[in-house]
Amino acid sequence: MILTLARHAGSLANMRCSMFALATAAVILGISVPAQAQLQRGQVAPTFSAQAALAGKTYQFNLQQALVNGPVVLYFYPKAFTAGCSLEAQLFAENMPSFEKEQASVIGISADDIDTLKKFSEGPCGSKFAVASDASKNIMKAYGTYQERSGLSGRTTFVIGKDGKIMDSLTSSNPVEHVEFSIKALQTSKTP
């Protein structure tokens, strides 16, 4: 029994080393390796309320209230006005007609303060969708996106159905993947 446990422990250690080596190589080569978000398809999305900005104006965003109108694409990003986060916001803004066609709203969340997000909502977001402040990092922690080492969120998108359940999620450092992923998840949910 002890020998069997030792073999499994050795296999697990080798697997962890291999996964670490693969992840390290991917970062060095700039390859995106999607990881699973803590919350999975079918789970109930944690509800929250947060101070948000849309078109430079602040308001209180409430997930439960937003879901009354349709699905919500909730995307977490590390930091406003960085290259990847600005690109991702611009792509979401450009594709808002596709989200509106699916009767879905979009909200981005980061640890940035609300004054920064007011500017971000007008700039890269193009006044097309809201961004919310999670300075306490409680929302990130509830959704499993908080990264202890950086104190920021990882880049993760959740598509939440009107019923409050997670339809799908994507964790990827590549900001370009999240918009297409979200639109496909919304369209797939309508397919019988």
Protein backbone atom coordinates (compact mmCIF):
# COMPACT_ATOMS: atom_id res chain seq x y z
CA MET A 1 0.00 0.00 0.00
CA ILE A 2 2.78 2.44 0.96
CA LEU A 3 4.72 1.52 -2.20
CA THR A 4 1.62 2.24 -4.32
CA LEU A 5 1.12 5.61 -2.63
CA ALA A 6 4.79 6.44 -3.17
CA ARG A 7 4.49 5.62 -6.89
CA HIS A 8 1.38 7.83 -7.21
CA ALA A 9 3.12 10.65 -5.34
CA GLY A 10 6.12 10.34 -7.66
CA SER A 11 3.85 10.36 -10.73
CA LEU A 12 2.00 13.39 -9.41
CA ALA A 13 5.28 15.24 -8.79
CA ASN A 14 6.45 14.42 -12.33
CA MET A 15 3.12 15.57 -13.75
CA ARG A 16 3.34 18.86 -11.83
CA CYS A 17 6.89 19.43 -13.09
CA SER A 18 5.80 18.69 -16.66
CA MET A 19 2.83 21.07 -16.37
CA PHE A 20 5.08 23.77 -14.91
CA ALA A 21 7.62 23.28 -17.72
CA LEU A 22 4.83 23.47 -20.33
CA ALA A 23 3.37 26.63 -18.77
CA THR A 24 6.83 28.24 -18.53
CA ALA A 25 7.60 27.42 -22.17
CA ALA A 26 4.23 28.81 -23.23
CA VAL A 27 4.92 32.11 -21.45
CA ILE A 28 8.41 32.38 -22.97
CA LEU A 29 7.10 31.59 -26.47
CA GLY A 30 4.02 33.81 -26.07
CA ILE A 31 1.62 30.90 -26.53
CA SER A 32 -1.75 31.12 -24.85
CA VAL A 33 -2.54 28.11 -22.68
CA PRO A 34 -6.14 28.28 -21.43
CA ALA A 35 -6.62 27.13 -17.88
CA GLN A 36 -9.86 26.25 -16.21
CA ALA A 37 -11.50 28.91 -14.10
CA GLN A 38 -12.45 27.93 -10.57
CA LEU A 39 -16.16 28.19 -11.36
CA GLN A 40 -17.39 25.76 -13.96
CA ARG A 41 -20.29 25.47 -16.39
CA GLY A 42 -23.61 24.90 -14.62
CA GLN A 43 -22.58 26.45 -11.31
CA VAL A 44 -24.53 29.38 -9.94
CA ALA A 45 -22.61 32.62 -10.47
CA PRO A 46 -21.91 34.52 -7.25
CA THR A 47 -24.10 37.62 -7.13
CA PHE A 48 -22.53 40.97 -6.43
CA SER A 49 -23.02 44.70 -6.54
CA ALA A 50 -20.15 47.04 -7.40
CA GLN A 51 -19.44 50.65 -8.27
CA ALA A 52 -19.15 50.84 -12.05
CA ALA A 53 -18.55 53.37 -14.79
CA LEU A 54 -20.24 53.72 -18.16
CA ALA A 55 -19.45 56.59 -20.53
CA GLY A 56 -17.54 58.33 -17.74
CA LYS A 57 -20.44 58.27 -15.28
CA THR A 58 -20.62 56.13 -12.14
CA TYR A 59 -23.49 53.95 -11.02
CA GLN A 60 -24.07 50.83 -8.93
CA PHE A 61 -23.97 47.65 -11.03
CA ASN A 62 -25.96 44.72 -9.67
CA LEU A 63 -25.59 41.31 -11.34
CA GLN A 64 -29.06 40.09 -10.35
CA GLN A 65 -30.68 43.18 -11.85
CA ALA A 66 -28.63 42.86 -15.05
CA LEU A 67 -29.67 39.21 -15.48
CA VAL A 68 -33.33 40.22 -15.56
CA ASN A 69 -32.65 41.70 -19.01
CA GLY A 70 -30.68 38.72 -20.37
CA PRO A 71 -27.32 36.95 -20.20
CA VAL A 72 -24.29 38.78 -18.84
CA VAL A 73 -20.74 38.51 -20.14
CA LEU A 74 -18.58 39.14 -17.10
CA TYR A 75 -14.93 39.53 -17.95
CA PHE A 76 -12.08 40.02 -15.51
CA TYR A 77 -8.92 41.77 -16.64
CA PRO A 78 -5.70 42.74 -14.81
CA LYS A 79 -5.34 46.52 -15.20
CA ALA A 80 -6.94 49.36 -17.14
CA PHE A 81 -4.87 51.17 -19.76
CA THR A 82 -2.34 48.35 -20.21
CA ALA A 83 -1.83 47.16 -23.79
CA GLY A 84 -3.69 43.84 -23.51
CA CYS A 85 -6.54 45.20 -21.41
CA SER A 86 -7.06 48.19 -23.69
CA LEU A 87 -7.11 45.92 -26.74
CA GLU A 88 -9.61 43.58 -25.10
CA ALA A 89 -11.88 46.51 -24.15
CA GLN A 90 -11.74 47.90 -27.68
CA LEU A 91 -12.69 44.51 -29.12
CA PHE A 92 -15.65 44.19 -26.75
CA ALA A 93 -16.73 47.74 -27.69
CA GLU A 94 -16.48 47.04 -31.44
CA ASN A 95 -18.53 43.87 -31.06
CA MET A 96 -21.33 45.26 -28.89
CA PRO A 97 -23.86 44.91 -31.76
CA SER A 98 -23.25 41.12 -31.64
CA PHE A 99 -23.85 41.05 -27.88
CA GLU A 100 -26.96 43.20 -28.22
CA LYS A 101 -28.27 40.81 -30.90
CA GLU A 102 -27.98 38.05 -28.28
CA GLN A 103 -29.69 40.34 -25.71
CA ALA A 104 -26.56 40.16 -23.55
CA SER A 105 -24.83 42.85 -21.56
CA VAL A 106 -21.09 43.09 -20.96
CA ILE A 107 -19.27 44.21 -17.83
CA GLY A 108 -15.53 44.24 -17.18
CA ILE A 109 -14.04 44.00 -13.69
CA SER A 110 -10.62 44.95 -12.37
CA ALA A 111 -9.07 46.17 -9.13
CA ASP A 112 -8.68 49.68 -10.57
CA ASP A 113 -10.22 52.59 -8.67
CA ILE A 114 -13.43 54.11 -9.99
CA ASP A 115 -11.76 57.36 -11.19
CA THR A 116 -9.46 55.33 -13.44
CA LEU A 117 -12.42 53.29 -14.68
CA LYS A 118 -14.43 56.41 -15.51
CA LYS A 119 -11.66 57.35 -17.96
CA PHE A 120 -11.28 53.75 -19.19
CA SER A 121 -15.03 53.52 -19.85
CA GLU A 122 -14.81 56.51 -22.18
CA GLY A 123 -11.46 55.57 -23.75
CA PRO A 124 -10.86 51.94 -24.73
CA CYS A 125 -14.43 50.90 -23.82
CA GLY A 126 -15.76 53.56 -26.19
CA SER A 127 -18.70 54.31 -23.83
CA LYS A 128 -20.26 51.05 -25.09
CA PHE A 129 -20.24 48.93 -21.91
CA ALA A 130 -19.56 49.25 -18.19
CA VAL A 131 -16.47 48.48 -16.16
CA ALA A 132 -16.63 47.89 -12.40
CA SER A 133 -14.17 48.39 -9.59
CA ASP A 134 -13.27 45.48 -7.33
CA ALA A 135 -10.72 47.27 -5.16
CA SER A 136 -11.54 44.89 -2.28
CA LYS A 137 -10.85 41.93 -4.61
CA ASN A 138 -13.87 40.11 -3.14
CA ILE A 139 -15.55 39.58 -6.52
CA MET A 140 -12.32 38.23 -8.03
CA LYS A 141 -11.95 35.84 -5.12
CA ALA A 142 -15.58 34.69 -5.40
CA TYR A 143 -15.05 33.89 -9.10
CA GLY A 144 -11.59 32.38 -8.59
CA THR A 145 -9.72 34.89 -10.76
CA TYR A 146 -7.65 36.59 -8.05
CA GLN A 147 -3.91 36.05 -8.39
CA GLU A 148 -2.18 36.26 -5.03
CA ARG A 149 1.27 37.01 -6.44
CA SER A 150 0.27 40.09 -8.45
CA GLY A 151 -2.72 41.17 -6.37
CA LEU A 152 -4.67 41.48 -9.64
CA SER A 153 -7.17 39.40 -11.55
CA GLY A 154 -6.24 36.93 -14.21
CA ARG A 155 -7.87 37.33 -17.62
CA THR A 156 -11.05 35.26 -17.35
CA THR A 157 -14.45 35.59 -18.99
CA PHE A 158 -17.70 34.09 -17.71
CA VAL A 159 -20.86 33.92 -19.77
CA ILE A 160 -23.74 33.87 -17.30
CA GLY A 161 -27.22 32.79 -18.36
CA LYS A 162 -30.39 34.61 -17.45
CA ASP A 163 -30.98 31.86 -14.86
CA GLY A 164 -27.82 32.97 -13.03
CA LYS A 165 -25.81 29.87 -13.97
CA ILE A 166 -22.47 29.91 -15.72
CA MET A 167 -22.96 28.89 -19.34
CA ASP A 168 -19.24 28.78 -20.07
CA SER A 169 -15.91 30.30 -19.03
CA LEU A 170 -12.50 30.94 -20.50
CA THR A 171 -9.20 31.70 -18.79
CA SER A 172 -6.56 32.84 -21.26
CA SER A 173 -3.88 35.50 -21.21
CA ASN A 174 -4.65 36.25 -24.88
CA PRO A 175 -7.07 39.23 -24.83
CA VAL A 176 -8.22 38.61 -28.40
CA GLU A 177 -9.83 35.23 -27.63
CA HIS A 178 -12.40 36.44 -25.11
CA VAL A 179 -14.80 38.32 -27.39
CA GLU A 180 -15.17 35.56 -29.98
CA PHE A 181 -15.47 32.98 -27.21
CA SER A 182 -18.27 34.96 -25.53
CA ILE A 183 -20.27 35.44 -28.72
CA LYS A 184 -19.98 31.74 -29.60
CA ALA A 185 -21.06 30.72 -26.08
CA LEU A 186 -24.13 32.94 -26.34
CA GLN A 187 -25.03 31.62 -29.80
CA THR A 188 -24.47 27.99 -28.78
CA SER A 189 -26.82 28.37 -25.85
CA LYS A 190 -29.68 29.02 -28.30
CA THR A 191 -28.95 25.91 -30.37
CA PRO A 192 -31.34 23.03 -29.56
